[in-house]
Amino acid sequence: MPIHVEAIARIVYEVNQLRQYPLNDIEIAEWATTLDEFDPKMDLEALRFIIQQMKFGNLEYEQKDGVQNLTRAFQKIRKTESGWQIRKNNVW
């Protein structure tokens, strides 16, 4: 497993705190590979932020959606000078 994918897998493991049935090692590796395909230059801090916000209930996690929970969440955050934040919705 490439180093970047391995680093993603270590972070994806945290998704188990959101699930009724934890991901096994093969599923974690598959999710990490999918996320690497989604964005080969992924900012790992962004992924950490997303999972943290899901654990806090600030970003949605749907049990039936699998890895798409994470890929969709990247569109809901933005980088700021001080780190990452959730984008505001419906700001007029």
N, C-alpha and C. Protein backbone atom coordinates (compact mmCIF):
# COMPACT_ATOMS: atom_id res chain seq x y z
N MET A 1 0.86 -1.18 0.00
CA MET A 1 0.00 0.00 0.00
C MET A 1 0.90 1.24 0.00
N PRO A 2 0.69 2.17 -0.94
CA PRO A 2 1.49 3.41 -0.97
C PRO A 2 1.37 4.18 0.35
N ILE A 3 2.41 4.94 0.68
CA ILE A 3 2.47 5.65 1.95
C ILE A 3 1.28 6.60 2.13
N HIS A 4 0.91 7.34 1.07
CA HIS A 4 -0.21 8.28 1.19
C HIS A 4 -1.52 7.54 1.48
N VAL A 5 -1.73 6.41 0.83
CA VAL A 5 -2.95 5.62 1.05
C VAL A 5 -2.94 5.06 2.48
N GLU A 6 -1.77 4.66 2.96
CA GLU A 6 -1.65 4.15 4.33
C GLU A 6 -2.00 5.25 5.33
N ALA A 7 -1.54 6.47 5.06
CA ALA A 7 -1.86 7.60 5.95
C ALA A 7 -3.36 7.88 5.95
N ILE A 8 -3.98 7.80 4.79
CA ILE A 8 -5.43 7.98 4.69
C ILE A 8 -6.13 6.89 5.50
N ALA A 9 -5.67 5.66 5.38
CA ALA A 9 -6.29 4.54 6.09
C ALA A 9 -6.25 4.75 7.60
N ARG A 10 -5.16 5.27 8.11
CA ARG A 10 -5.06 5.53 9.56
C ARG A 10 -6.12 6.54 10.01
N ILE A 11 -6.42 7.50 9.15
CA ILE A 11 -7.45 8.50 9.48
C ILE A 11 -8.84 7.89 9.31
N VAL A 12 -9.05 7.14 8.22
CA VAL A 12 -10.36 6.54 7.94
C VAL A 12 -10.79 5.61 9.08
N TYR A 13 -9.85 5.00 9.77
CA TYR A 13 -10.16 4.13 10.90
C TYR A 13 -11.11 4.82 11.89
N GLU A 14 -10.97 6.13 12.03
CA GLU A 14 -11.80 6.90 12.96
C GLU A 14 -13.28 6.88 12.60
N VAL A 15 -13.61 6.57 11.35
CA VAL A 15 -15.00 6.47 10.91
C VAL A 15 -15.73 5.41 11.75
N ASN A 16 -14.99 4.46 12.30
CA ASN A 16 -15.62 3.42 13.10
C ASN A 16 -16.38 3.98 14.30
N GLN A 17 -16.03 5.17 14.73
CA GLN A 17 -16.75 5.80 15.83
C GLN A 17 -18.14 6.28 15.40
N LEU A 18 -18.38 6.34 14.10
CA LEU A 18 -19.65 6.80 13.55
C LEU A 18 -20.57 5.66 13.15
N ARG A 19 -20.05 4.47 13.10
CA ARG A 19 -20.78 3.34 12.52
C ARG A 19 -21.27 2.38 13.60
N GLN A 20 -22.39 1.75 13.31
CA GLN A 20 -22.92 0.72 14.19
C GLN A 20 -22.03 -0.53 14.11
N TYR A 21 -21.59 -0.87 12.90
CA TYR A 21 -20.70 -2.01 12.68
C TYR A 21 -19.40 -1.48 12.11
N PRO A 22 -18.29 -1.67 12.79
CA PRO A 22 -17.02 -1.09 12.33
C PRO A 22 -16.56 -1.64 10.99
N LEU A 23 -15.81 -0.80 10.28
CA LEU A 23 -15.16 -1.23 9.05
C LEU A 23 -14.05 -2.21 9.42
N ASN A 24 -13.92 -3.28 8.63
CA ASN A 24 -12.79 -4.18 8.87
C ASN A 24 -11.56 -3.64 8.13
N ASP A 25 -10.44 -4.31 8.30
CA ASP A 25 -9.18 -3.82 7.70
C ASP A 25 -9.26 -3.70 6.18
N ILE A 26 -9.91 -4.65 5.53
CA ILE A 26 -10.03 -4.60 4.07
C ILE A 26 -10.89 -3.42 3.64
N GLU A 27 -11.99 -3.19 4.34
CA GLU A 27 -12.86 -2.05 4.01
C GLU A 27 -12.13 -0.73 4.22
N ILE A 28 -11.37 -0.62 5.29
CA ILE A 28 -10.60 0.60 5.54
C ILE A 28 -9.62 0.83 4.40
N ALA A 29 -8.94 -0.22 3.95
CA ALA A 29 -8.00 -0.09 2.83
C ALA A 29 -8.72 0.30 1.55
N GLU A 30 -9.89 -0.26 1.32
CA GLU A 30 -10.66 0.09 0.12
C GLU A 30 -11.12 1.54 0.18
N TRP A 31 -11.59 2.00 1.33
CA TRP A 31 -12.00 3.40 1.46
C TRP A 31 -10.80 4.31 1.23
N ALA A 32 -9.65 3.96 1.79
CA ALA A 32 -8.45 4.78 1.62
C ALA A 32 -8.05 4.85 0.15
N THR A 33 -8.12 3.73 -0.54
CA THR A 33 -7.80 3.71 -1.97
C THR A 33 -8.78 4.58 -2.75
N THR A 34 -10.06 4.47 -2.43
CA THR A 34 -11.08 5.29 -3.11
C THR A 34 -10.82 6.78 -2.87
N LEU A 35 -10.51 7.15 -1.64
CA LEU A 35 -10.24 8.56 -1.33
C LEU A 35 -8.98 9.05 -2.05
N ASP A 36 -7.98 8.19 -2.19
CA ASP A 36 -6.78 8.56 -2.93
C ASP A 36 -7.11 8.75 -4.41
N GLU A 37 -7.99 7.92 -4.95
CA GLU A 37 -8.43 8.10 -6.34
C GLU A 37 -9.24 9.38 -6.49
N PHE A 38 -10.05 9.70 -5.49
CA PHE A 38 -10.87 10.91 -5.49
C PHE A 38 -9.98 12.15 -5.54
N ASP A 39 -8.90 12.14 -4.76
CA ASP A 39 -7.98 13.28 -4.73
C ASP A 39 -6.58 12.79 -4.33
N PRO A 40 -5.73 12.49 -5.31
CA PRO A 40 -4.39 11.97 -5.00
C PRO A 40 -3.53 12.93 -4.18
N LYS A 41 -3.87 14.20 -4.17
CA LYS A 41 -3.10 15.19 -3.40
C LYS A 41 -3.89 15.67 -2.18
N MET A 42 -4.77 14.80 -1.69
CA MET A 42 -5.66 15.16 -0.58
C MET A 42 -4.89 15.69 0.62
N ASP A 43 -5.41 16.76 1.16
CA ASP A 43 -4.89 17.33 2.40
C ASP A 43 -5.41 16.46 3.54
N LEU A 44 -4.52 15.75 4.21
CA LEU A 44 -4.94 14.84 5.27
C LEU A 44 -5.60 15.57 6.43
N GLU A 45 -5.21 16.81 6.65
CA GLU A 45 -5.85 17.59 7.71
C GLU A 45 -7.31 17.86 7.37
N ALA A 46 -7.61 18.03 6.11
CA ALA A 46 -9.01 18.23 5.69
C ALA A 46 -9.82 16.98 6.01
N LEU A 47 -9.26 15.80 5.72
CA LEU A 47 -9.95 14.56 6.01
C LEU A 47 -10.17 14.40 7.52
N ARG A 48 -9.15 14.70 8.30
CA ARG A 48 -9.29 14.65 9.77
C ARG A 48 -10.40 15.59 10.23
N PHE A 49 -10.42 16.79 9.67
CA PHE A 49 -11.43 17.78 10.03
C PHE A 49 -12.82 17.25 9.71
N ILE A 50 -13.00 16.68 8.54
CA ILE A 50 -14.30 16.16 8.12
C ILE A 50 -14.79 15.09 9.09
N ILE A 51 -13.95 14.13 9.39
CA ILE A 51 -14.37 13.04 10.28
C ILE A 51 -14.65 13.58 11.68
N GLN A 52 -13.83 14.51 12.14
CA GLN A 52 -14.07 15.12 13.45
C GLN A 52 -15.42 15.83 13.48
N GLN A 53 -15.72 16.59 12.43
CA GLN A 53 -16.99 17.31 12.39
C GLN A 53 -18.18 16.36 12.29
N MET A 54 -17.99 15.22 11.64
CA MET A 54 -19.04 14.20 11.61
C MET A 54 -19.25 13.63 13.01
N LYS A 55 -18.18 13.40 13.73
CA LYS A 55 -18.29 12.87 15.09
C LYS A 55 -19.01 13.87 16.00
N PHE A 56 -18.79 15.16 15.76
CA PHE A 56 -19.42 16.20 16.58
C PHE A 56 -20.85 16.50 16.12
N GLY A 57 -21.26 15.93 14.98
CA GLY A 57 -22.60 16.16 14.46
C GLY A 57 -22.74 17.41 13.62
N ASN A 58 -21.63 18.03 13.25
CA ASN A 58 -21.67 19.26 12.45
C ASN A 58 -21.71 18.99 10.95
N LEU A 59 -21.29 17.81 10.54
CA LEU A 59 -21.43 17.34 9.16
C LEU A 59 -22.20 16.02 9.22
N GLU A 60 -23.04 15.81 8.23
CA GLU A 60 -23.91 14.65 8.21
C GLU A 60 -23.14 13.37 7.87
N TYR A 61 -23.51 12.27 8.54
CA TYR A 61 -23.01 10.94 8.22
C TYR A 61 -24.20 10.01 8.09
N GLU A 62 -24.40 9.48 6.90
CA GLU A 62 -25.51 8.55 6.62
C GLU A 62 -24.95 7.14 6.54
N GLN A 63 -25.43 6.26 7.38
CA GLN A 63 -24.92 4.88 7.43
C GLN A 63 -24.92 4.20 6.06
N LYS A 64 -25.95 4.43 5.27
CA LYS A 64 -26.10 3.72 3.99
C LYS A 64 -25.19 4.25 2.88
N ASP A 65 -24.56 5.40 3.07
CA ASP A 65 -23.82 6.05 1.99
C ASP A 65 -22.33 5.69 1.92
N GLY A 66 -21.82 5.01 2.90
CA GLY A 66 -20.43 4.56 2.85
C GLY A 66 -19.43 5.69 2.65
N VAL A 67 -18.44 5.44 1.80
CA VAL A 67 -17.35 6.38 1.57
C VAL A 67 -17.84 7.70 0.95
N GLN A 68 -19.01 7.67 0.32
CA GLN A 68 -19.54 8.90 -0.27
C GLN A 68 -19.81 9.97 0.80
N ASN A 69 -19.99 9.58 2.04
CA ASN A 69 -20.10 10.56 3.11
C ASN A 69 -18.88 11.47 3.12
N LEU A 70 -17.72 10.86 2.93
CA LEU A 70 -16.47 11.63 2.98
C LEU A 70 -16.24 12.41 1.70
N THR A 71 -16.48 11.79 0.54
CA THR A 71 -16.22 12.50 -0.71
C THR A 71 -17.15 13.71 -0.85
N ARG A 72 -18.39 13.58 -0.44
CA ARG A 72 -19.33 14.71 -0.50
C ARG A 72 -18.92 15.81 0.48
N ALA A 73 -18.41 15.43 1.62
CA ALA A 73 -18.07 16.40 2.65
C ALA A 73 -16.97 17.36 2.21
N PHE A 74 -16.10 16.92 1.31
CA PHE A 74 -15.03 17.81 0.85
C PHE A 74 -15.59 19.07 0.18
N GLN A 75 -16.78 18.96 -0.39
CA GLN A 75 -17.41 20.12 -1.03
C GLN A 75 -18.06 21.05 0.00
N LYS A 76 -18.15 20.60 1.24
CA LYS A 76 -18.82 21.38 2.28
C LYS A 76 -17.85 22.09 3.21
N ILE A 77 -16.54 21.99 2.92
CA ILE A 77 -15.55 22.65 3.77
C ILE A 77 -14.69 23.57 2.91
N ARG A 78 -14.00 24.46 3.61
CA ARG A 78 -13.06 25.34 2.90
C ARG A 78 -11.87 25.62 3.80
N LYS A 79 -10.73 25.86 3.17
CA LYS A 79 -9.51 26.17 3.91
C LYS A 79 -9.49 27.65 4.24
N THR A 80 -9.11 27.95 5.45
CA THR A 80 -8.96 29.34 5.89
C THR A 80 -7.51 29.55 6.35
N GLU A 81 -7.20 30.74 6.75
CA GLU A 81 -5.85 31.02 7.24
C GLU A 81 -5.54 30.21 8.49
N SER A 82 -6.56 29.92 9.29
CA SER A 82 -6.33 29.22 10.55
C SER A 82 -6.64 27.73 10.50
N GLY A 83 -7.01 27.21 9.32
CA GLY A 83 -7.31 25.78 9.22
C GLY A 83 -8.48 25.53 8.29
N TRP A 84 -9.37 24.64 8.69
CA TRP A 84 -10.53 24.27 7.88
C TRP A 84 -11.80 24.69 8.58
N GLN A 85 -12.84 24.99 7.80
CA GLN A 85 -14.14 25.31 8.37
C GLN A 85 -15.23 24.85 7.43
N ILE A 86 -16.41 24.65 8.01
CA ILE A 86 -17.56 24.25 7.22
C ILE A 86 -18.08 25.47 6.50
N ARG A 87 -18.37 25.31 5.21
CA ARG A 87 -18.94 26.42 4.42
C ARG A 87 -20.33 26.74 4.94
N LYS A 88 -20.67 27.99 4.89
CA LYS A 88 -22.01 28.43 5.26
C LYS A 88 -22.96 28.14 4.13
N ASN A 89 -24.15 27.65 4.43
CA ASN A 89 -25.16 27.38 3.42
C ASN A 89 -26.16 28.53 3.32
N ASN A 90 -26.63 28.77 2.12
CA ASN A 90 -27.69 29.75 1.89
C ASN A 90 -27.39 31.12 2.47
N VAL A 91 -26.18 31.59 2.30
CA VAL A 91 -25.84 32.94 2.74
C VAL A 91 -26.11 33.88 1.56
N TRP A 92 -26.99 34.83 1.74
CA TRP A 92 -27.38 35.73 0.65
C TRP A 92 -26.80 37.10 0.87
